[in-house]
Amino acid sequence: MVDTGIVTKRTKGFYYLLDENGEMVECKVKGQLFKSSRYDNQIAVGDRVSFSRSDADDIGLISGIKERQSFLSRSRVGIEAEQIIAANVDNLLVVAATKKPPFRTNFVNRILVAANVGNIKPVLVLTKTDLVSKQEIADLLEPYRNIELDIIESSTKSEVSDSELKTLLVGKVSVLAGQSGVGKSSLLNKLFPGLDIKVGAVSHKTSKGSHTTTYAIMHQVVKNTFVIDTPGIREFGLWGINRDNLGENYPGLAAFNHQCKHRDCHHIHEPDCAVKDAVESGSIHKSLFSGYQSIYHSLAN
């Protein structure tokens, strides 16, 4: 008999599924399922899979993956392959700290591009807002104010923002992504105290956090509400993005991307560029456009 389950965790060689009855099932993968590629973690947390149960050892056997409605992916480090971080999610919480570790604009911009590619609603969550002034917070967030992006400011004392964030999460599947030390696990523990996720400290020497989450894991926090905690990400390589399609997926450019005189405009050196005109008029923040240029020049032709 073939059943359906949702992958909540994967370890080396094993996958843990939540079946249709809400029970956890330990599974392996059918031998020939991934014959075409041995590099990618081709089953991701959040995937809906078909599996059969074994009476012999209580270990299920995954035989197929259902079509994904959305996904968060990146380029695997050192290998030309796509790494699916999470699948079938509604919200992507881009978690970034004001400091300890410092806010990295390029990192945030890259994850926003990945959210657009993967058909996920992005939410920028700025943590540790109690460590800097209101003006510093305003300066960090200003480039993102005029684009389609929910922004939540969070601190250890903020109860209003916690309520706003919970409202966004209820009834949805949400994945958290960010650098180590930005406070992903702390944020989840504050919103849902029963989780009791391990929290690490930030190194004083490197300003980088320790990896307290070593693999993606899905938690059911209330009925029909799931959150996926992920390991800290230091570098985020974009998969499936090149110089030709970056403008279509970069935040804030969509409204102007097809108004340029030249259909194949890259918004770099071309004349009569609607995107560059929007930057000059203030419709697109200069810092946001600078981030586009930075990513553009990092990509292959």
C-alpha atoms as a PDB file:
ATOM      1  CA  MET A   1       0.000   0.000   0.000  1.00  0.00           C
ATOM      2  CA  VAL A   2       1.348   3.434  -1.018  1.00  0.00           C
ATOM      3  CA  ASP A   3       0.879   6.320   1.410  1.00  0.00           C
ATOM      4  CA  THR A   4       1.723  10.036   1.299  1.00  0.00           C
ATOM      5  CA  GLY A   5       3.834  11.935   3.816  1.00  0.00           C
ATOM      6  CA  ILE A   6       5.649  15.233   4.344  1.00  0.00           C
ATOM      7  CA  VAL A   7       9.396  15.198   4.966  1.00  0.00           C
ATOM      8  CA  THR A   8      10.141  16.881   8.294  1.00  0.00           C
ATOM      9  CA  LYS A   9      13.819  15.962   8.679  1.00  0.00           C
ATOM     10  CA  ARG A  10      16.598  14.189   6.851  1.00  0.00           C
ATOM     11  CA  THR A  11      19.794  12.682   8.175  1.00  0.00           C
ATOM     12  CA  LYS A  12      22.413  10.639   6.400  1.00  0.00           C
ATOM     13  CA  GLY A  13      20.478   7.877   4.693  1.00  0.00           C
ATOM     14  CA  PHE A  14      17.172   8.393   6.520  1.00  0.00           C
ATOM     15  CA  TYR A  15      14.112  10.612   6.104  1.00  0.00           C
ATOM     16  CA  TYR A  16      11.444  11.261   8.710  1.00  0.00           C
ATOM     17  CA  LEU A  17       7.924  11.756   7.394  1.00  0.00           C
ATOM     18  CA  LEU A  18       4.706  13.017   8.909  1.00  0.00           C
ATOM     19  CA  ASP A  19       2.015  10.782   7.451  1.00  0.00           C
ATOM     20  CA  GLU A  20      -1.623  11.652   6.804  1.00  0.00           C
ATOM     21  CA  ASN A  21      -2.541  10.501  10.316  1.00  0.00           C
ATOM     22  CA  GLY A  22       0.012  12.790  11.934  1.00  0.00           C
ATOM     23  CA  GLU A  23       2.354   9.938  12.827  1.00  0.00           C
ATOM     24  CA  MET A  24       6.134  10.012  12.277  1.00  0.00           C
ATOM     25  CA  VAL A  25       7.564   7.406   9.901  1.00  0.00           C
ATOM     26  CA  GLU A  26      11.253   6.638   9.388  1.00  0.00           C
ATOM     27  CA  CYS A  27      12.096   5.962   5.740  1.00  0.00           C
ATOM     28  CA  LYS A  28      14.846   5.142   3.276  1.00  0.00           C
ATOM     29  CA  VAL A  29      14.875   5.897  -0.444  1.00  0.00           C
ATOM     30  CA  LYS A  30      14.096   3.321  -3.106  1.00  0.00           C
ATOM     31  CA  GLY A  31      17.394   2.346  -4.737  1.00  0.00           C
ATOM     32  CA  GLN A  32      16.877   3.654  -8.284  1.00  0.00           C
ATOM     33  CA  LEU A  33      14.954   6.834  -7.431  1.00  0.00           C
ATOM     34  CA  PHE A  34      17.970   9.142  -7.762  1.00  0.00           C
ATOM     35  CA  LYS A  35      19.969   7.238 -10.344  1.00  0.00           C
ATOM     36  CA  SER A  36      20.414  10.386 -12.489  1.00  0.00           C
ATOM     37  CA  SER A  37      22.349  12.359  -9.856  1.00  0.00           C
ATOM     38  CA  ARG A  38      24.253  11.466  -6.708  1.00  0.00           C
ATOM     39  CA  TYR A  39      25.214  15.023  -5.713  1.00  0.00           C
ATOM     40  CA  ASP A  40      21.983  16.736  -4.788  1.00  0.00           C
ATOM     41  CA  ASN A  41      19.871  16.239  -1.674  1.00  0.00           C
ATOM     42  CA  GLN A  42      16.974  15.582  -3.992  1.00  0.00           C
ATOM     43  CA  ILE A  43      14.427  15.076  -1.264  1.00  0.00           C
ATOM     44  CA  ALA A  44      14.075  18.209   0.833  1.00  0.00           C
ATOM     45  CA  VAL A  45      12.294  19.071   4.040  1.00  0.00           C
ATOM     46  CA  GLY A  46       8.739  20.027   3.091  1.00  0.00           C
ATOM     47  CA  ASP A  47       8.567  17.647   0.152  1.00  0.00           C
ATOM     48  CA  ARG A  48       5.418  15.578  -0.222  1.00  0.00           C
ATOM     49  CA  VAL A  49       6.460  12.031  -1.048  1.00  0.00           C
ATOM     50  CA  SER A  50       4.865   8.682  -1.723  1.00  0.00           C
ATOM     51  CA  PHE A  51       6.103   5.764   0.369  1.00  0.00           C
ATOM     52  CA  SER A  52       5.282   2.206   1.319  1.00  0.00           C
ATOM     53  CA  ARG A  53       5.606   0.637   4.739  1.00  0.00           C
ATOM     54  CA  SER A  54       7.672  -2.417   5.553  1.00  0.00           C
ATOM     55  CA  ASP A  55       6.289  -4.912   8.040  1.00  0.00           C
ATOM     56  CA  ALA A  56       9.737  -6.402   8.557  1.00  0.00           C
ATOM     57  CA  ASP A  57      11.644  -3.539  10.183  1.00  0.00           C
ATOM     58  CA  ASP A  58       9.156  -0.655  10.380  1.00  0.00           C
ATOM     59  CA  ILE A  59      11.312   1.331   7.920  1.00  0.00           C
ATOM     60  CA  GLY A  60       9.322   2.894   5.075  1.00  0.00           C
ATOM     61  CA  LEU A  61      10.525   3.102   1.484  1.00  0.00           C
ATOM     62  CA  ILE A  62      10.156   6.388  -0.444  1.00  0.00           C
ATOM     63  CA  SER A  63       9.251   5.735  -4.064  1.00  0.00           C
ATOM     64  CA  GLY A  64       8.479   9.203  -5.473  1.00  0.00           C
ATOM     65  CA  ILE A  65       8.317  12.961  -4.938  1.00  0.00           C
ATOM     66  CA  LYS A  66       5.147  14.954  -5.610  1.00  0.00           C
ATOM     67  CA  GLU A  67       5.401  18.088  -7.748  1.00  0.00           C
ATOM     68  CA  ARG A  68       6.689  21.061  -5.736  1.00  0.00           C
ATOM     69  CA  GLN A  69       4.516  24.174  -5.501  1.00  0.00           C
ATOM     70  CA  SER A  70       7.409  26.307  -4.241  1.00  0.00           C
ATOM     71  CA  PHE A  71      10.991  25.876  -3.134  1.00  0.00           C
ATOM     72  CA  LEU A  72      14.047  27.585  -1.689  1.00  0.00           C
ATOM     73  CA  SER A  73      17.256  26.536  -3.373  1.00  0.00           C
ATOM     74  CA  ARG A  74      20.840  27.627  -3.829  1.00  0.00           C
ATOM     75  CA  SER A  75      23.944  26.525  -5.672  1.00  0.00           C
ATOM     76  CA  ARG A  76      25.869  23.858  -3.796  1.00  0.00           C
ATOM     77  CA  VAL A  77      29.282  24.991  -2.616  1.00  0.00           C
ATOM     78  CA  GLY A  78      32.043  23.588  -4.828  1.00  0.00           C
ATOM     79  CA  ILE A  79      29.677  21.547  -7.027  1.00  0.00           C
ATOM     80  CA  GLU A  80      27.685  22.603 -10.086  1.00  0.00           C
ATOM     81  CA  ALA A  81      24.375  21.374  -8.694  1.00  0.00           C
ATOM     82  CA  GLU A  82      21.213  22.731  -7.131  1.00  0.00           C
ATOM     83  CA  GLN A  83      20.595  22.248  -3.423  1.00  0.00           C
ATOM     84  CA  ILE A  84      16.940  22.370  -2.398  1.00  0.00           C
ATOM     85  CA  ILE A  85      16.826  23.757   1.139  1.00  0.00           C
ATOM     86  CA  ALA A  86      13.039  23.507   1.645  1.00  0.00           C
ATOM     87  CA  ALA A  87      10.005  22.767  -0.485  1.00  0.00           C
ATOM     88  CA  ASN A  88       6.290  23.593  -0.552  1.00  0.00           C
ATOM     89  CA  VAL A  89       6.582  26.606   1.732  1.00  0.00           C
ATOM     90  CA  ASP A  90       4.402  29.718   1.828  1.00  0.00           C
ATOM     91  CA  ASN A  91       6.689  32.199   3.605  1.00  0.00           C
ATOM     92  CA  LEU A  92      10.434  32.732   3.544  1.00  0.00           C
ATOM     93  CA  LEU A  93      11.577  34.566   6.656  1.00  0.00           C
ATOM     94  CA  VAL A  94      14.833  36.278   5.724  1.00  0.00           C
ATOM     95  CA  VAL A  95      16.328  36.729   9.195  1.00  0.00           C
ATOM     96  CA  ALA A  96      19.072  39.350   9.494  1.00  0.00           C
ATOM     97  CA  ALA A  97      20.567  41.020  12.548  1.00  0.00           C
ATOM     98  CA  THR A  98      21.412  44.686  12.995  1.00  0.00           C
ATOM     99  CA  LYS A  99      24.807  43.626  14.361  1.00  0.00           C
ATOM    100  CA  LYS A 100      26.556  40.600  15.926  1.00  0.00           C
ATOM    101  CA  PRO A 101      26.732  39.483  13.092  1.00  0.00           C
ATOM    102  CA  PRO A 102      26.399  42.672  11.007  1.00  0.00           C
ATOM    103  CA  PHE A 103      23.654  43.185   8.448  1.00  0.00           C
ATOM    104  CA  ARG A 104      24.814  41.929   5.021  1.00  0.00           C
ATOM    105  CA  THR A 105      22.878  43.641   2.249  1.00  0.00           C
ATOM    106  CA  ASN A 106      24.200  41.417  -0.540  1.00  0.00           C
ATOM    107  CA  PHE A 107      23.218  38.293   1.383  1.00  0.00           C
ATOM    108  CA  VAL A 108      19.674  39.574   1.968  1.00  0.00           C
ATOM    109  CA  ASN A 109      19.282  40.600  -1.678  1.00  0.00           C
ATOM    110  CA  ARG A 110      20.367  37.187  -2.905  1.00  0.00           C
ATOM    111  CA  ILE A 111      17.835  35.374  -0.728  1.00  0.00           C
ATOM    112  CA  LEU A 112      15.091  37.745  -1.931  1.00  0.00           C
ATOM    113  CA  VAL A 113      15.989  36.769  -5.503  1.00  0.00           C
ATOM    114  CA  ALA A 114      15.790  33.080  -4.546  1.00  0.00           C
ATOM    115  CA  ALA A 115      12.356  33.662  -2.977  1.00  0.00           C
ATOM    116  CA  ASN A 116      11.073  35.109  -6.241  1.00  0.00           C
ATOM    117  CA  VAL A 117      12.533  32.243  -8.268  1.00  0.00           C
ATOM    118  CA  GLY A 118      10.992  29.682  -5.911  1.00  0.00           C
ATOM    119  CA  ASN A 119       7.541  31.336  -5.756  1.00  0.00           C
ATOM    120  CA  ILE A 120       7.714  32.064  -2.021  1.00  0.00           C
ATOM    121  CA  LYS A 121       6.448  35.139  -0.202  1.00  0.00           C
ATOM    122  CA  PRO A 122       9.451  36.833   1.461  1.00  0.00           C
ATOM    123  CA  VAL A 123       9.355  38.473   4.880  1.00  0.00           C
ATOM    124  CA  LEU A 124      12.380  40.422   6.123  1.00  0.00           C
ATOM    125  CA  VAL A 125      12.830  39.924   9.869  1.00  0.00           C
ATOM    126  CA  LEU A 126      15.366  42.310  11.410  1.00  0.00           C
ATOM    127  CA  THR A 127      16.549  40.975  14.773  1.00  0.00           C
ATOM    128  CA  LYS A 128      18.544  42.526  17.637  1.00  0.00           C
ATOM    129  CA  THR A 129      16.961  45.922  17.038  1.00  0.00           C
ATOM    130  CA  ASP A 130      17.616  46.801  20.674  1.00  0.00           C
ATOM    131  CA  LEU A 131      21.368  46.903  19.955  1.00  0.00           C
ATOM    132  CA  VAL A 132      21.298  49.950  17.659  1.00  0.00           C
ATOM    133  CA  SER A 133      19.570  53.324  17.390  1.00  0.00           C
ATOM    134  CA  LYS A 134      16.265  53.919  15.607  1.00  0.00           C
ATOM    135  CA  GLN A 135      18.131  55.899  12.958  1.00  0.00           C
ATOM    136  CA  GLU A 136      20.450  52.968  12.254  1.00  0.00           C
ATOM    137  CA  ILE A 137      17.433  50.697  11.868  1.00  0.00           C
ATOM    138  CA  ALA A 138      15.792  53.184   9.496  1.00  0.00           C
ATOM    139  CA  ASP A 139      18.966  53.365   7.397  1.00  0.00           C
ATOM    140  CA  LEU A 140      19.226  49.572   7.122  1.00  0.00           C
ATOM    141  CA  LEU A 141      15.594  49.131   6.101  1.00  0.00           C
ATOM    142  CA  GLU A 142      15.128  52.184   3.862  1.00  0.00           C
ATOM    143  CA  PRO A 143      16.112  50.414   0.591  1.00  0.00           C
ATOM    144  CA  TYR A 144      13.373  47.810   1.169  1.00  0.00           C
ATOM    145  CA  ARG A 145      10.496  50.091   2.177  1.00  0.00           C
ATOM    146  CA  ASN A 146       9.069  50.702  -1.321  1.00  0.00           C
ATOM    147  CA  ILE A 147       9.042  47.130  -2.606  1.00  0.00           C
ATOM    148  CA  GLU A 148       6.551  44.314  -2.041  1.00  0.00           C
ATOM    149  CA  LEU A 149       8.084  43.019   1.164  1.00  0.00           C
ATOM    150  CA  ASP A 150       6.718  42.629   4.676  1.00  0.00           C
ATOM    151  CA  ILE A 151       9.231  43.864   7.265  1.00  0.00           C
ATOM    152  CA  ILE A 152       9.221  42.842  10.918  1.00  0.00           C
ATOM    153  CA  GLU A 153      11.502  44.479  13.506  1.00  0.00           C
ATOM    154  CA  SER A 154      12.268  42.114  16.369  1.00  0.00           C
ATOM    155  CA  SER A 155      14.042  42.399  19.687  1.00  0.00           C
ATOM    156  CA  THR A 156      14.011  40.545  22.988  1.00  0.00           C
ATOM    157  CA  LYS A 157      11.406  43.014  24.269  1.00  0.00           C
ATOM    158  CA  SER A 158       9.172  43.424  21.196  1.00  0.00           C
ATOM    159  CA  GLU A 159       5.726  41.942  21.752  1.00  0.00           C
ATOM    160  CA  VAL A 160       3.896  43.845  18.988  1.00  0.00           C
ATOM    161  CA  SER A 161       6.195  42.524  16.267  1.00  0.00           C
ATOM    162  CA  ASP A 162       5.891  39.004  17.695  1.00  0.00           C
ATOM    163  CA  SER A 163       2.130  39.224  17.287  1.00  0.00           C
ATOM    164  CA  GLU A 164       2.498  40.483  13.697  1.00  0.00           C
ATOM    165  CA  LEU A 165       4.863  37.659  12.833  1.00  0.00           C
ATOM    166  CA  LYS A 166       2.659  34.995  14.393  1.00  0.00           C
ATOM    167  CA  THR A 167      -0.246  36.264  12.293  1.00  0.00           C
ATOM    168  CA  LEU A 168       1.839  35.797   9.157  1.00  0.00           C
ATOM    169  CA  LEU A 169       2.823  32.275  10.177  1.00  0.00           C
ATOM    170  CA  VAL A 170      -0.504  30.803  11.308  1.00  0.00           C
ATOM    171  CA  GLY A 171      -1.941  28.281   8.866  1.00  0.00           C
ATOM    172  CA  LYS A 172       1.193  28.393   6.707  1.00  0.00           C
ATOM    173  CA  VAL A 173       4.455  26.575   6.147  1.00  0.00           C
ATOM    174  CA  SER A 174       7.361  28.967   6.679  1.00  0.00           C
ATOM    175  CA  VAL A 175      11.113  28.553   6.310  1.00  0.00           C
ATOM    176  CA  LEU A 176      13.702  30.662   8.129  1.00  0.00           C
ATOM    177  CA  ALA A 177      17.001  31.463   6.414  1.00  0.00           C
ATOM    178  CA  GLY A 178      19.923  33.614   7.492  1.00  0.00           C
ATOM    179  CA  GLN A 179      23.494  33.672   8.708  1.00  0.00           C
ATOM    180  CA  SER A 180      24.571  31.814  11.811  1.00  0.00           C
ATOM    181  CA  GLY A 181      24.034  33.923  14.903  1.00  0.00           C
ATOM    182  CA  VAL A 182      21.274  36.192  13.581  1.00  0.00           C
ATOM    183  CA  GLY A 183      18.785  34.657  15.998  1.00  0.00           C
ATOM    184  CA  LYS A 184      16.639  32.250  13.965  1.00  0.00           C
ATOM    185  CA  SER A 185      16.395  29.674  16.738  1.00  0.00           C
ATOM    186  CA  SER A 186      15.965  32.346  19.419  1.00  0.00           C
ATOM    187  CA  LEU A 187      13.139  33.881  17.408  1.00  0.00           C
ATOM    188  CA  LEU A 188      11.337  30.548  17.120  1.00  0.00           C
ATOM    189  CA  ASN A 189      11.795  29.842  20.828  1.00  0.00           C
ATOM    190  CA  LYS A 190      10.336  33.251  21.677  1.00  0.00           C
ATOM    191  CA  LEU A 191       7.333  32.798  19.406  1.00  0.00           C
ATOM    192  CA  PHE A 192       6.754  29.159  20.363  1.00  0.00           C
ATOM    193  CA  PRO A 193       8.372  28.447  23.780  1.00  0.00           C
ATOM    194  CA  GLY A 194       7.573  24.745  23.632  1.00  0.00           C
ATOM    195  CA  LEU A 195      10.109  24.167  20.854  1.00  0.00           C
ATOM    196  CA  ASP A 196      13.163  24.656  23.089  1.00  0.00           C
ATOM    197  CA  ILE A 197      15.617  24.796  20.153  1.00  0.00           C
ATOM    198  CA  LYS A 198      19.310  24.961  21.065  1.00  0.00           C
ATOM    199  CA  VAL A 199      20.772  28.476  20.737  1.00  0.00           C
ATOM    200  CA  GLY A 200      24.448  29.264  20.114  1.00  0.00           C
ATOM    201  CA  ALA A 201      26.625  32.304  20.791  1.00  0.00           C
ATOM    202  CA  VAL A 202      28.349  34.664  18.372  1.00  0.00           C
ATOM    203  CA  SER A 203      32.154  34.640  18.329  1.00  0.00           C
ATOM    204  CA  HIS A 204      33.694  37.903  19.560  1.00  0.00           C
ATOM    205  CA  LYS A 205      36.677  37.405  17.228  1.00  0.00           C
ATOM    206  CA  THR A 206      34.847  36.683  13.973  1.00  0.00           C
ATOM    207  CA  SER A 207      31.372  38.151  14.670  1.00  0.00           C
ATOM    208  CA  LYS A 208      30.009  34.886  13.240  1.00  0.00           C
ATOM    209  CA  GLY A 209      27.542  32.603  14.942  1.00  0.00           C
ATOM    210  CA  SER A 210      27.964  28.919  15.637  1.00  0.00           C
ATOM    211  CA  HIS A 211      25.899  26.346  13.747  1.00  0.00           C
ATOM    212  CA  THR A 212      23.411  25.162  16.355  1.00  0.00           C
ATOM    213  CA  THR A 213      21.071  23.815  13.654  1.00  0.00           C
ATOM    214  CA  THR A 214      23.009  21.273  11.567  1.00  0.00           C
ATOM    215  CA  TYR A 215      20.247  20.348   9.125  1.00  0.00           C
ATOM    216  CA  ALA A 216      16.863  21.690   8.103  1.00  0.00           C
ATOM    217  CA  ILE A 217      14.028  20.499  10.305  1.00  0.00           C
ATOM    218  CA  MET A 218      10.300  21.144  10.207  1.00  0.00           C
ATOM    219  CA  HIS A 219       8.416  21.829  13.442  1.00  0.00           C
ATOM    220  CA  GLN A 220       4.644  21.750  13.802  1.00  0.00           C
ATOM    221  CA  VAL A 221       4.049  24.649  16.186  1.00  0.00           C
ATOM    222  CA  VAL A 222       0.244  24.699  16.218  1.00  0.00           C
ATOM    223  CA  LYS A 223      -2.404  22.974  14.131  1.00  0.00           C
ATOM    224  CA  ASN A 224      -1.778  23.454  10.389  1.00  0.00           C
ATOM    225  CA  THR A 225       1.204  25.706  11.141  1.00  0.00           C
ATOM    226  CA  PHE A 226       4.753  24.599  10.398  1.00  0.00           C
ATOM    227  CA  VAL A 227       8.133  26.327  10.582  1.00  0.00           C
ATOM    228  CA  ILE A 228      11.365  25.055   9.039  1.00  0.00           C
ATOM    229  CA  ASP A 229      14.576  26.002  10.824  1.00  0.00           C
ATOM    230  CA  THR A 230      17.706  25.815   8.661  1.00  0.00           C
ATOM    231  CA  PRO A 231      21.455  25.777   9.322  1.00  0.00           C
ATOM    232  CA  GLY A 232      23.177  29.161   9.234  1.00  0.00           C
ATOM    233  CA  ILE A 233      24.192  30.149   5.718  1.00  0.00           C
ATOM    234  CA  ARG A 234      27.454  32.049   5.253  1.00  0.00           C
ATOM    235  CA  GLU A 235      27.390  32.282   1.457  1.00  0.00           C
ATOM    236  CA  PHE A 236      24.310  32.097  -0.750  1.00  0.00           C
ATOM    237  CA  GLY A 237      25.021  31.123  -4.357  1.00  0.00           C
ATOM    238  CA  LEU A 238      22.100  31.667  -6.732  1.00  0.00           C
ATOM    239  CA  TRP A 239      20.997  28.691  -8.803  1.00  0.00           C
ATOM    240  CA  GLY A 240      19.343  29.180 -12.204  1.00  0.00           C
ATOM    241  CA  ILE A 241      20.106  32.909 -12.261  1.00  0.00           C
ATOM    242  CA  ASN A 242      22.241  34.566 -14.936  1.00  0.00           C
ATOM    243  CA  ARG A 243      22.733  38.066 -16.290  1.00  0.00           C
ATOM    244  CA  ASP A 244      19.771  37.679 -18.638  1.00  0.00           C
ATOM    245  CA  ASN A 245      17.145  36.803 -16.035  1.00  0.00           C
ATOM    246  CA  LEU A 246      18.431  38.538 -12.893  1.00  0.00           C
ATOM    247  CA  GLY A 247      16.377  41.686 -13.568  1.00  0.00           C
ATOM    248  CA  GLU A 248      13.172  39.654 -13.770  1.00  0.00           C
ATOM    249  CA  ASN A 249      13.764  38.226 -10.304  1.00  0.00           C
ATOM    250  CA  TYR A 250      15.493  41.042  -8.439  1.00  0.00           C
ATOM    251  CA  PRO A 251      13.320  42.858  -5.837  1.00  0.00           C
ATOM    252  CA  GLY A 252      11.889  46.212  -6.914  1.00  0.00           C
ATOM    253  CA  LEU A 253      12.783  45.983 -10.599  1.00  0.00           C
ATOM    254  CA  ALA A 254       9.733  44.132 -11.927  1.00  0.00           C
ATOM    255  CA  ALA A 255       7.577  47.261 -12.417  1.00  0.00           C
ATOM    256  CA  PHE A 256      10.217  48.843 -14.670  1.00  0.00           C
ATOM    257  CA  ASN A 257      12.034  45.851 -16.145  1.00  0.00           C
ATOM    258  CA  HIS A 258      10.007  45.745 -19.395  1.00  0.00           C
ATOM    259  CA  GLN A 259       9.724  49.499 -19.952  1.00  0.00           C
ATOM    260  CA  CYS A 260      13.267  49.872 -21.291  1.00  0.00           C
ATOM    261  CA  LYS A 261      13.785  50.749 -24.957  1.00  0.00           C
ATOM    262  CA  HIS A 262      15.805  47.603 -25.561  1.00  0.00           C
ATOM    263  CA  ARG A 263      14.056  44.315 -24.849  1.00  0.00           C
ATOM    264  CA  ASP A 264      17.264  42.636 -23.694  1.00  0.00           C
ATOM    265  CA  CYS A 265      18.315  45.545 -21.466  1.00  0.00           C
ATOM    266  CA  HIS A 266      20.487  44.486 -18.536  1.00  0.00           C
ATOM    267  CA  HIS A 267      20.186  47.909 -16.845  1.00  0.00           C
ATOM    268  CA  ILE A 268      23.945  48.364 -16.764  1.00  0.00           C
ATOM    269  CA  HIS A 269      25.339  50.298 -19.754  1.00  0.00           C
ATOM    270  CA  GLU A 270      22.326  50.462 -22.088  1.00  0.00           C
ATOM    271  CA  PRO A 271      20.720  53.823 -23.035  1.00  0.00           C
ATOM    272  CA  ASP A 272      17.031  54.638 -22.474  1.00  0.00           C
ATOM    273  CA  CYS A 273      16.851  52.306 -19.476  1.00  0.00           C
ATOM    274  CA  ALA A 274      13.634  52.622 -17.446  1.00  0.00           C
ATOM    275  CA  VAL A 275      15.241  50.976 -14.426  1.00  0.00           C
ATOM    276  CA  LYS A 276      18.096  53.488 -14.279  1.00  0.00           C
ATOM    277  CA  ASP A 277      15.575  56.307 -14.764  1.00  0.00           C
ATOM    278  CA  ALA A 278      13.597  54.920 -11.805  1.00  0.00           C
ATOM    279  CA  VAL A 279      16.778  54.969  -9.721  1.00  0.00           C
ATOM    280  CA  GLU A 280      17.407  58.605 -10.628  1.00  0.00           C
ATOM    281  CA  SER A 281      13.830  59.568  -9.753  1.00  0.00           C
ATOM    282  CA  GLY A 282      13.977  57.709  -6.435  1.00  0.00           C
ATOM    283  CA  SER A 283      11.379  55.081  -7.365  1.00  0.00           C
ATOM    284  CA  ILE A 284      14.086  52.446  -6.874  1.00  0.00           C
ATOM    285  CA  HIS A 285      16.454  53.056  -3.982  1.00  0.00           C
ATOM    286  CA  LYS A 286      20.059  53.599  -5.092  1.00  0.00           C
ATOM    287  CA  SER A 287      21.356  51.105  -2.559  1.00  0.00           C
ATOM    288  CA  LEU A 288      18.948  48.434  -3.811  1.00  0.00           C
ATOM    289  CA  PHE A 289      20.086  49.041  -7.393  1.00  0.00           C
ATOM    290  CA  SER A 290      23.712  48.948  -6.287  1.00  0.00           C
ATOM    291  CA  GLY A 291      22.972  45.490  -4.909  1.00  0.00           C
ATOM    292  CA  TYR A 292      21.592  44.465  -8.303  1.00  0.00           C
ATOM    293  CA  GLN A 293      24.780  45.645  -9.998  1.00  0.00           C
ATOM    294  CA  SER A 294      26.925  43.754  -7.489  1.00  0.00           C
ATOM    295  CA  ILE A 295      25.123  40.471  -8.104  1.00  0.00           C
ATOM    296  CA  TYR A 296      25.048  41.083 -11.890  1.00  0.00           C
ATOM    297  CA  HIS A 297      28.835  41.447 -12.080  1.00  0.00           C
ATOM    298  CA  SER A 298      29.308  38.310  -9.984  1.00  0.00           C
ATOM    299  CA  LEU A 299      27.375  36.188 -12.485  1.00  0.00           C
ATOM    300  CA  ALA A 300      28.657  34.459 -15.595  1.00  0.00           C
ATOM    301  CA  ASN A 301      27.724  35.928 -18.983  1.00  0.00           C
END
